[in-house]
Every structure is written in structure tokens, then in C-alpha cells.
PDB file of N, CA and C in Angstrom:
ATOM      1  N   MET A   1     -48.230 -15.192 -15.298  1.00  0.00           N
ATOM      2  CA  MET A   1     -48.137 -13.769 -15.291  1.00  0.00           C
ATOM      3  C   MET A   1     -47.884 -13.797 -13.672  1.00  0.00           C
ATOM      4  N   LEU A   2     -48.722 -14.529 -13.213  1.00  0.00           N
ATOM      5  CA  LEU A   2     -48.450 -13.987 -11.803  1.00  0.00           C
ATOM      6  C   LEU A   2     -47.417 -15.096 -11.371  1.00  0.00           C
ATOM      7  N   PHE A   3     -46.928 -16.413 -11.954  1.00  0.00           N
ATOM      8  CA  PHE A   3     -45.351 -16.180 -11.421  1.00  0.00           C
ATOM      9  C   PHE A   3     -44.487 -14.769 -11.748  1.00  0.00           C
ATOM     10  N   LEU A   4     -44.304 -14.476 -12.934  1.00  0.00           N
ATOM     11  CA  LEU A   4     -43.511 -13.145 -13.188  1.00  0.00           C
ATOM     12  C   LEU A   4     -43.927 -12.459 -11.853  1.00  0.00           C
ATOM     13  N   GLN A   5     -45.277 -12.316 -11.831  1.00  0.00           N
ATOM     14  CA  GLN A   5     -45.425 -10.909 -10.582  1.00  0.00           C
ATOM     15  C   GLN A   5     -44.840 -11.398  -9.241  1.00  0.00           C
ATOM     16  N   PHE A   6     -44.427 -12.929  -8.982  1.00  0.00           N
ATOM     17  CA  PHE A   6     -43.860 -13.415  -7.478  1.00  0.00           C
ATOM     18  C   PHE A   6     -42.642 -12.990  -7.927  1.00  0.00           C
ATOM     19  N   LEU A   7     -42.029 -13.377  -8.973  1.00  0.00           N
ATOM     20  CA  LEU A   7     -40.476 -13.687  -9.036  1.00  0.00           C
ATOM     21  C   LEU A   7     -40.024 -12.054  -8.854  1.00  0.00           C
ATOM     22  N   ASN A   8     -40.455 -11.156  -9.834  1.00  0.00           N
ATOM     23  CA  ASN A   8     -40.322  -9.767  -9.388  1.00  0.00           C
ATOM     24  C   ASN A   8     -40.394  -9.153  -8.137  1.00  0.00           C
ATOM     25  N   PHE A   9     -41.418  -9.776  -7.122  1.00  0.00           N
ATOM     26  CA  PHE A   9     -41.817  -9.580  -5.774  1.00  0.00           C
ATOM     27  C   PHE A   9     -40.530 -10.086  -4.822  1.00  0.00           C
ATOM     28  N   ALA A  10     -40.503 -11.407  -5.331  1.00  0.00           N
ATOM     29  CA  ALA A  10     -38.952 -12.134  -4.709  1.00  0.00           C
ATOM     30  C   ALA A  10     -37.496 -11.236  -4.842  1.00  0.00           C
ATOM     31  N   LEU A  11     -37.230 -10.819  -6.239  1.00  0.00           N
ATOM     32  CA  LEU A  11     -36.218 -10.284  -6.485  1.00  0.00           C
ATOM     33  C   LEU A  11     -36.081  -9.002  -5.928  1.00  0.00           C
ATOM     34  N   ILE A  12     -36.811  -8.351  -5.804  1.00  0.00           N
ATOM     35  CA  ILE A  12     -37.002  -7.079  -5.249  1.00  0.00           C
ATOM     36  C   ILE A  12     -36.619  -7.065  -3.919  1.00  0.00           C
ATOM     37  N   LYS A  13     -37.541  -8.573  -3.017  1.00  0.00           N
ATOM     38  CA  LYS A  13     -36.624  -8.675  -1.741  1.00  0.00           C
ATOM     39  C   LYS A  13     -35.793  -8.673  -1.465  1.00  0.00           C
ATOM     40  N   LEU A  14     -35.018  -9.551  -2.001  1.00  0.00           N
ATOM     41  CA  LEU A  14     -33.777  -9.754  -2.068  1.00  0.00           C
ATOM     42  C   LEU A  14     -32.327  -9.428  -2.241  1.00  0.00           C
ATOM     43  N   SER A  15     -32.823  -8.496  -3.160  1.00  0.00           N
ATOM     44  CA  SER A  15     -31.758  -6.771  -3.186  1.00  0.00           C
ATOM     45  C   SER A  15     -32.145  -6.457  -1.666  1.00  0.00           C
ATOM     46  N   HIS A  16     -33.327  -6.177  -1.164  1.00  0.00           N
ATOM     47  CA  HIS A  16     -33.107  -5.345  -0.537  1.00  0.00           C
ATOM     48  C   HIS A  16     -32.408  -6.322   0.496  1.00  0.00           C
ATOM     49  N   PHE A  17     -32.492  -7.327   1.323  1.00  0.00           N
ATOM     50  CA  PHE A  17     -32.044  -8.085   2.260  1.00  0.00           C
ATOM     51  C   PHE A  17     -30.517  -8.024   1.643  1.00  0.00           C
ATOM     52  N   LEU A  18     -29.783  -8.373   0.649  1.00  0.00           N
ATOM     53  CA  LEU A  18     -28.634  -8.041   0.413  1.00  0.00           C
ATOM     54  C   LEU A  18     -28.101  -7.036   0.846  1.00  0.00           C
ATOM     55  N   LEU A  19     -28.479  -5.576   0.507  1.00  0.00           N
ATOM     56  CA  LEU A  19     -28.374  -4.291   0.827  1.00  0.00           C
ATOM     57  C   LEU A  19     -28.515  -3.877   1.877  1.00  0.00           C
ATOM     58  N   GLY A  20     -29.518  -4.608   3.213  1.00  0.00           N
ATOM     59  CA  GLY A  20     -28.802  -4.377   4.022  1.00  0.00           C
ATOM     60  C   GLY A  20     -28.009  -4.985   4.887  1.00  0.00           C
ATOM     61  N   GLN A  21     -27.790  -6.379   4.249  1.00  0.00           N
ATOM     62  CA  GLN A  21     -26.246  -7.112   5.173  1.00  0.00           C
ATOM     63  C   GLN A  21     -25.235  -6.188   4.389  1.00  0.00           C
ATOM     64  N   VAL A  22     -24.977  -5.876   3.301  1.00  0.00           N
ATOM     65  CA  VAL A  22     -23.636  -5.101   2.929  1.00  0.00           C
ATOM     66  C   VAL A  22     -23.555  -3.667   3.665  1.00  0.00           C
ATOM     67  N   THR A  23     -25.274  -2.674   4.123  1.00  0.00           N
ATOM     68  CA  THR A  23     -24.853  -1.942   5.029  1.00  0.00           C
ATOM     69  C   THR A  23     -24.434  -2.224   6.664  1.00  0.00           C
ATOM     70  N   ASN A  24     -24.617  -3.696   7.223  1.00  0.00           N
ATOM     71  CA  ASN A  24     -24.256  -4.413   7.916  1.00  0.00           C
ATOM     72  C   ASN A  24     -23.102  -4.384   8.017  1.00  0.00           C
ATOM     73  N   LEU A  25     -22.258  -5.075   7.320  1.00  0.00           N
ATOM     74  CA  LEU A  25     -21.154  -5.310   7.119  1.00  0.00           C
ATOM     75  C   LEU A  25     -19.851  -3.876   7.469  1.00  0.00           C
ATOM     76  N   ARG A  26     -20.821  -3.226   6.806  1.00  0.00           N
ATOM     77  CA  ARG A  26     -19.855  -1.434   6.578  1.00  0.00           C
ATOM     78  C   ARG A  26     -19.863  -0.919   8.027  1.00  0.00           C
ATOM     79  N   SER A  27     -20.857  -1.203   8.509  1.00  0.00           N
ATOM     80  CA  SER A  27     -20.580  -0.582   9.713  1.00  0.00           C
ATOM     81  C   SER A  27     -20.555  -1.122  10.581  1.00  0.00           C
ATOM     82  N   PHE A  28     -20.218  -2.654  10.306  1.00  0.00           N
ATOM     83  CA  PHE A  28     -19.503  -3.539  11.263  1.00  0.00           C
ATOM     84  C   PHE A  28     -18.402  -2.853  11.374  1.00  0.00           C
ATOM     85  N   PHE A  29     -17.576  -3.066  10.178  1.00  0.00           N
ATOM     86  CA  PHE A  29     -16.352  -2.574   9.441  1.00  0.00           C
ATOM     87  C   PHE A  29     -15.869  -1.554  10.357  1.00  0.00           C
ATOM     88  N   TYR A  30     -16.427  -0.679   9.758  1.00  0.00           N
ATOM     89  CA  TYR A  30     -16.190   0.730  10.884  1.00  0.00           C
ATOM     90  C   TYR A  30     -16.191   1.299  11.968  1.00  0.00           C
ATOM     91  N   LEU A  31     -16.866   0.597  12.697  1.00  0.00           N
ATOM     92  CA  LEU A  31     -16.939   0.098  13.995  1.00  0.00           C
ATOM     93  C   LEU A  31     -15.570  -0.305  14.579  1.00  0.00           C
ATOM     94  N   HIS A  32     -15.041  -1.827  14.158  1.00  0.00           N
ATOM     95  CA  HIS A  32     -14.257  -2.322  14.844  1.00  0.00           C
ATOM     96  C   HIS A  32     -12.971  -2.045  14.171  1.00  0.00           C
ATOM     97  N   TYR A  33     -12.961  -1.378  12.734  1.00  0.00           N
ATOM     98  CA  TYR A  33     -11.559  -0.953  12.812  1.00  0.00           C
ATOM     99  C   TYR A  33     -11.160   0.085  12.520  1.00  0.00           C
ATOM    100  N   GLN A  34     -12.498   1.482  12.444  1.00  0.00           N
ATOM    101  CA  GLN A  34     -11.666   2.418  12.229  1.00  0.00           C
ATOM    102  C   GLN A  34     -10.507   3.305  12.587  1.00  0.00           C
ATOM    103  N   HIS A  35     -10.595   3.063  14.137  1.00  0.00           N
ATOM    104  CA  HIS A  35      -9.599   3.510  14.529  1.00  0.00           C
ATOM    105  C   HIS A  35      -8.130   3.327  13.485  1.00  0.00           C
ATOM    106  N   LEU A  36      -7.676   1.848  13.540  1.00  0.00           N
ATOM    107  CA  LEU A  36      -6.392   1.207  12.543  1.00  0.00           C
ATOM    108  C   LEU A  36      -6.569   2.248  11.551  1.00  0.00           C
ATOM    109  N   ILE A  37      -7.842   2.081  10.425  1.00  0.00           N
ATOM    110  CA  ILE A  37      -7.902   2.653   9.383  1.00  0.00           C
ATOM    111  C   ILE A  37      -7.170   4.175   9.680  1.00  0.00           C
ATOM    112  N   ASP A  38      -7.841   4.948  10.638  1.00  0.00           N
ATOM    113  CA  ASP A  38      -7.393   6.480  11.279  1.00  0.00           C
ATOM    114  C   ASP A  38      -5.711   6.437  11.345  1.00  0.00           C
ATOM    115  N   ALA A  39      -5.658   5.327  12.022  1.00  0.00           N
ATOM    116  CA  ALA A  39      -3.992   5.671  12.127  1.00  0.00           C
ATOM    117  C   ALA A  39      -3.280   5.320  11.069  1.00  0.00           C
ATOM    118  N   HIS A  40      -3.492   5.048  10.108  1.00  0.00           N
ATOM    119  CA  HIS A  40      -2.879   4.479   8.654  1.00  0.00           C
ATOM    120  C   HIS A  40      -2.623   5.716   8.175  1.00  0.00           C
ATOM    121  N   ILE A  41      -4.144   5.974   7.858  1.00  0.00           N
ATOM    122  CA  ILE A  41      -4.335   7.485   7.025  1.00  0.00           C
ATOM    123  C   ILE A  41      -3.469   8.334   7.286  1.00  0.00           C
ATOM    124  N   ARG A  42      -3.037   8.760   8.893  1.00  0.00           N
ATOM    125  CA  ARG A  42      -2.392   9.952   9.518  1.00  0.00           C
ATOM    126  C   ARG A  42      -0.855   9.606   9.333  1.00  0.00           C
ATOM    127  N   ARG A  43      -0.272   8.012   9.654  1.00  0.00           N
ATOM    128  CA  ARG A  43       0.794   7.722   9.298  1.00  0.00           C
ATOM    129  C   ARG A  43       1.349   8.241   6.868  1.00  0.00           C
ATOM    130  N   ILE A  44       0.236   7.935   6.642  1.00  0.00           N
ATOM    131  CA  ILE A  44       0.594   8.031   5.744  1.00  0.00           C
ATOM    132  C   ILE A  44       0.337   9.534   5.294  1.00  0.00           C
ATOM    133  N   ASP A  45      -0.065  10.366   6.069  1.00  0.00           N
ATOM    134  CA  ASP A  45      -0.283  11.538   5.762  1.00  0.00           C
ATOM    135  C   ASP A  45       1.037  12.593   6.208  1.00  0.00           C
ATOM    136  N   ARG A  46       1.960  11.529   7.410  1.00  0.00           N
ATOM    137  CA  ARG A  46       3.087  12.173   7.644  1.00  0.00           C
ATOM    138  C   ARG A  46       4.057  11.723   6.691  1.00  0.00           C
ATOM    139  N   ARG A  47       4.157  10.721   6.497  1.00  0.00           N
ATOM    140  CA  ARG A  47       5.063  10.352   5.230  1.00  0.00           C
ATOM    141  C   ARG A  47       4.588  10.974   3.833  1.00  0.00           C
ATOM    142  N   ARG A  48       3.223  11.600   3.449  1.00  0.00           N
ATOM    143  CA  ARG A  48       3.249  12.377   2.061  1.00  0.00           C
ATOM    144  C   ARG A  48       4.342  13.516   2.651  1.00  0.00           C
ATOM    145  N   ARG A  49       4.376  14.155   3.615  1.00  0.00           N
ATOM    146  CA  ARG A  49       5.320  15.712   3.734  1.00  0.00           C
ATOM    147  C   ARG A  49       6.524  15.073   3.028  1.00  0.00           C
ATOM    148  N   ASP A  50       7.108  14.064   3.328  1.00  0.00           N
ATOM    149  CA  ASP A  50       8.201  13.664   2.880  1.00  0.00           C
ATOM    150  C   ASP A  50       8.842  13.170   1.590  1.00  0.00           C
ATOM    151  N   LEU A  51       7.101  13.374   1.220  1.00  0.00           N
ATOM    152  CA  LEU A  51       7.386  12.581  -0.522  1.00  0.00           C
ATOM    153  C   LEU A  51       6.155  13.393  -0.913  1.00  0.00           C
ATOM    154  N   PRO A  52       6.525  15.110  -1.426  1.00  0.00           N
ATOM    155  CA  PRO A  52       5.567  15.982  -1.941  1.00  0.00           C
ATOM    156  C   PRO A  52       5.533  15.720  -3.325  1.00  0.00           C
ATOM    157  N   VAL A  53       6.069  15.580  -4.238  1.00  0.00           N
ATOM    158  CA  VAL A  53       6.044  15.156  -5.348  1.00  0.00           C
ATOM    159  C   VAL A  53       5.269  13.860  -5.661  1.00  0.00           C
ATOM    160  N   ARG A  54       5.730  12.713  -5.230  1.00  0.00           N
ATOM    161  CA  ARG A  54       5.055  11.736  -5.592  1.00  0.00           C
ATOM    162  C   ARG A  54       3.715  11.596  -5.225  1.00  0.00           C
ATOM    163  N   TRP A  55       3.429  12.362  -3.572  1.00  0.00           N
ATOM    164  CA  TRP A  55       1.755  11.850  -2.542  1.00  0.00           C
ATOM    165  C   TRP A  55       1.410  12.762  -3.360  1.00  0.00           C
ATOM    166  N   ALA A  56       1.349  14.194  -3.922  1.00  0.00           N
ATOM    167  CA  ALA A  56       0.568  14.937  -4.656  1.00  0.00           C
ATOM    168  C   ALA A  56       0.069  14.362  -5.622  1.00  0.00           C
ATOM    169  N   GLN A  57       0.824  13.207  -6.774  1.00  0.00           N
ATOM    170  CA  GLN A  57       0.399  12.557  -7.472  1.00  0.00           C
ATOM    171  C   GLN A  57      -0.696  11.833  -6.942  1.00  0.00           C
ATOM    172  N   ILE A  58      -0.425  11.159  -6.435  1.00  0.00           N
ATOM    173  CA  ILE A  58      -1.249   9.809  -5.616  1.00  0.00           C
ATOM    174  C   ILE A  58      -2.645  10.602  -4.893  1.00  0.00           C
ATOM    175  N   ASN A  59      -2.382  11.843  -4.452  1.00  0.00           N
ATOM    176  CA  ASN A  59      -3.387  12.938  -3.858  1.00  0.00           C
ATOM    177  C   ASN A  59      -4.491  13.198  -4.813  1.00  0.00           C
ATOM    178  N   VAL A  60      -4.368  13.398  -5.789  1.00  0.00           N
ATOM    179  CA  VAL A  60      -4.817  13.944  -7.385  1.00  0.00           C
ATOM    180  C   VAL A  60      -5.953  13.087  -7.048  1.00  0.00           C
ATOM    181  N   LEU A  61      -5.086  11.170  -7.112  1.00  0.00           N
ATOM    182  CA  LEU A  61      -6.059  10.429  -8.141  1.00  0.00           C
ATOM    183  C   LEU A  61      -6.880   9.384  -7.211  1.00  0.00           C
ATOM    184  N   LEU A  62      -6.463  10.458  -5.373  1.00  0.00           N
ATOM    185  CA  LEU A  62      -7.738  10.198  -4.659  1.00  0.00           C
ATOM    186  C   LEU A  62      -8.453  10.894  -3.827  1.00  0.00           C
ATOM    187  N   MET A  63      -9.158  11.610  -4.536  1.00  0.00           N
ATOM    188  CA  MET A  63     -10.258  12.906  -4.399  1.00  0.00           C
ATOM    189  C   MET A  63     -11.505  12.212  -4.262  1.00  0.00           C
ATOM    190  N   LEU A  64     -11.600  11.378  -3.365  1.00  0.00           N
ATOM    191  CA  LEU A  64     -12.904  10.824  -3.209  1.00  0.00           C
ATOM    192  C   LEU A  64     -13.488  11.778  -2.493  1.00  0.00           C
ATOM    193  N   PRO A  65     -15.418  11.739  -2.401  1.00  0.00           N
ATOM    194  CA  PRO A  65     -16.137  11.748  -1.255  1.00  0.00           C
ATOM    195  C   PRO A  65     -15.607  11.666   0.019  1.00  0.00           C
ATOM    196  N   PRO A  66     -16.293  12.685   0.905  1.00  0.00           N
ATOM    197  CA  PRO A  66     -15.948  11.648   2.007  1.00  0.00           C
ATOM    198  C   PRO A  66     -16.612  10.992   2.524  1.00  0.00           C
ATOM    199  N   GLY A  67     -16.641  10.224   3.637  1.00  0.00           N
ATOM    200  CA  GLY A  67     -17.308   9.061   3.866  1.00  0.00           C
ATOM    201  C   GLY A  67     -16.468   7.653   2.948  1.00  0.00           C
ATOM    202  N   THR A  68     -15.518   8.063   2.694  1.00  0.00           N
ATOM    203  CA  THR A  68     -15.426   6.475   1.490  1.00  0.00           C
ATOM    204  C   THR A  68     -13.910   6.538   2.449  1.00  0.00           C
ATOM    205  N   ARG A  69     -13.580   6.421   3.892  1.00  0.00           N
ATOM    206  CA  ARG A  69     -11.829   6.460   4.387  1.00  0.00           C
ATOM    207  C   ARG A  69     -11.821   4.456   3.857  1.00  0.00           C
ATOM    208  N   VAL A  70     -12.345   3.926   3.573  1.00  0.00           N
ATOM    209  CA  VAL A  70     -12.072   2.257   3.189  1.00  0.00           C
ATOM    210  C   VAL A  70     -11.367   2.100   2.011  1.00  0.00           C
ATOM    211  N   LEU A  71     -12.487   2.827   1.190  1.00  0.00           N
ATOM    212  CA  LEU A  71     -12.086   2.906  -0.493  1.00  0.00           C
ATOM    213  C   LEU A  71     -10.197   4.199  -0.533  1.00  0.00           C
ATOM    214  N   ARG A  72     -10.187   5.045   0.460  1.00  0.00           N
ATOM    215  CA  ARG A  72      -9.586   6.238   0.248  1.00  0.00           C
ATOM    216  C   ARG A  72      -7.747   4.844   1.137  1.00  0.00           C
ATOM    217  N   LEU A  73      -8.123   4.371   1.815  1.00  0.00           N
ATOM    218  CA  LEU A  73      -7.048   3.261   2.114  1.00  0.00           C
ATOM    219  C   LEU A  73      -6.843   2.573   1.539  1.00  0.00           C
ATOM    220  N   VAL A  74      -7.897   1.640   0.751  1.00  0.00           N
ATOM    221  CA  VAL A  74      -7.665   0.200  -0.270  1.00  0.00           C
ATOM    222  C   VAL A  74      -6.452   1.456  -1.251  1.00  0.00           C
ATOM    223  N   ALA A  75      -7.527   2.531  -1.841  1.00  0.00           N
ATOM    224  CA  ALA A  75      -6.472   2.650  -2.863  1.00  0.00           C
ATOM    225  C   ALA A  75      -5.107   4.081  -2.466  1.00  0.00           C
ATOM    226  N   THR A  76      -4.924   4.386  -1.093  1.00  0.00           N
ATOM    227  CA  THR A  76      -3.585   4.456  -0.810  1.00  0.00           C
ATOM    228  C   THR A  76      -2.591   3.829  -0.936  1.00  0.00           C
ATOM    229  N   VAL A  77      -2.920   2.627  -0.579  1.00  0.00           N
ATOM    230  CA  VAL A  77      -1.466   1.516  -0.328  1.00  0.00           C
ATOM    231  C   VAL A  77      -1.224   1.219  -1.496  1.00  0.00           C
ATOM    232  N   LEU A  78      -2.277   0.695  -2.198  1.00  0.00           N
ATOM    233  CA  LEU A  78      -2.151   0.499  -3.653  1.00  0.00           C
ATOM    234  C   LEU A  78      -1.251   1.072  -4.707  1.00  0.00           C
ATOM    235  N   LEU A  79      -2.109   2.731  -4.364  1.00  0.00           N
ATOM    236  CA  LEU A  79      -1.406   3.828  -5.385  1.00  0.00           C
ATOM    237  C   LEU A  79       0.242   4.053  -4.774  1.00  0.00           C
ATOM    238  N   GLY A  80       0.527   4.055  -3.239  1.00  0.00           N
ATOM    239  CA  GLY A  80       1.722   3.695  -2.724  1.00  0.00           C
ATOM    240  C   GLY A  80       2.723   3.078  -2.853  1.00  0.00           C
ATOM    241  N   LYS A  81       2.161   1.683  -3.518  1.00  0.00           N
ATOM    242  CA  LYS A  81       3.110   0.627  -3.714  1.00  0.00           C
ATOM    243  C   LYS A  81       3.307   0.245  -4.783  1.00  0.00           C
ATOM    244  N   LEU A  82       2.344   1.831  -5.647  1.00  0.00           N
ATOM    245  CA  LEU A  82       2.810   1.621  -7.256  1.00  0.00           C
ATOM    246  C   LEU A  82       3.974   2.958  -7.375  1.00  0.00           C
ATOM    247  N   PHE A  83       3.438   3.676  -7.009  1.00  0.00           N
ATOM    248  CA  PHE A  83       4.626   4.980  -7.196  1.00  0.00           C
ATOM    249  C   PHE A  83       5.467   5.267  -6.151  1.00  0.00           C
ATOM    250  N   CYS A  84       5.726   4.890  -5.102  1.00  0.00           N
ATOM    251  CA  CYS A  84       7.158   4.510  -4.503  1.00  0.00           C
ATOM    252  C   CYS A  84       6.766   3.294  -3.710  1.00  0.00           C
ATOM    253  N   PRO A  85       7.444   2.050  -4.017  1.00  0.00           N
ATOM    254  CA  PRO A  85       6.922   0.710  -3.246  1.00  0.00           C
ATOM    255  C   PRO A  85       7.677   1.032  -2.278  1.00  0.00           C
ATOM    256  N   GLY A  86       8.536   1.510  -1.241  1.00  0.00           N
ATOM    257  CA  GLY A  86       9.671   1.321  -0.457  1.00  0.00           C
ATOM    258  C   GLY A  86       8.893   2.127   0.705  1.00  0.00           C
ATOM    259  N   ASN A  87       8.117   3.327   0.605  1.00  0.00           N
ATOM    260  CA  ASN A  87       7.700   3.356   1.777  1.00  0.00           C
ATOM    261  C   ASN A  87       5.949   3.453   2.228  1.00  0.00           C
ATOM    262  N   VAL A  88       5.419   2.492   1.664  1.00  0.00           N
ATOM    263  CA  VAL A  88       3.647   1.816   2.006  1.00  0.00           C
ATOM    264  C   VAL A  88       4.182   0.991   2.810  1.00  0.00           C
TER     265      VAL A  88
END
């Protein structure tokens, strides 16, 4: 029984540690690469004006909550390659 309590405690501490590492990595990524992500999204926004129908389809699939720029970037690039491979 004592071993199970210790194991539970260790798993909780490990999960907190790993969650902290993921948060630190995300913060590091945003700090160092946000300007590149923003520039890419601006380029995509310019192209979207040229391809209104296809980008409207992609935009519907990209309705993500704020703060998910990296996910939006990845999804935009992947979906852009799927719908209009010559333009992304």
C-alpha cells in the first residue's frame, strides 16, 4: 500500500515536471520564432485574397481559438498544400 502511494506521488510529480517542460518549450518557441510565424501568416493572408474560394474552405477548417498560432500555421500549410499545392 505504501508503495502504491509512493508510485502515485512519483507519477504526479513526473507529470507536473513534464507539463512544465512542455510549457517552457512552447514559450521558447514563441519567443524565438513568433516573428517568422507572423510573417508566414501575413503571406498566407495576402494569398488568401487571390484564392477566395479555396482559402474560404481552408479558413473554415482553421477556426481555432486565439493563442494557437503554431497549430494554425501547421494546419494552414498542410491544408494549403492539400487544396492548392502550387501556392503554399
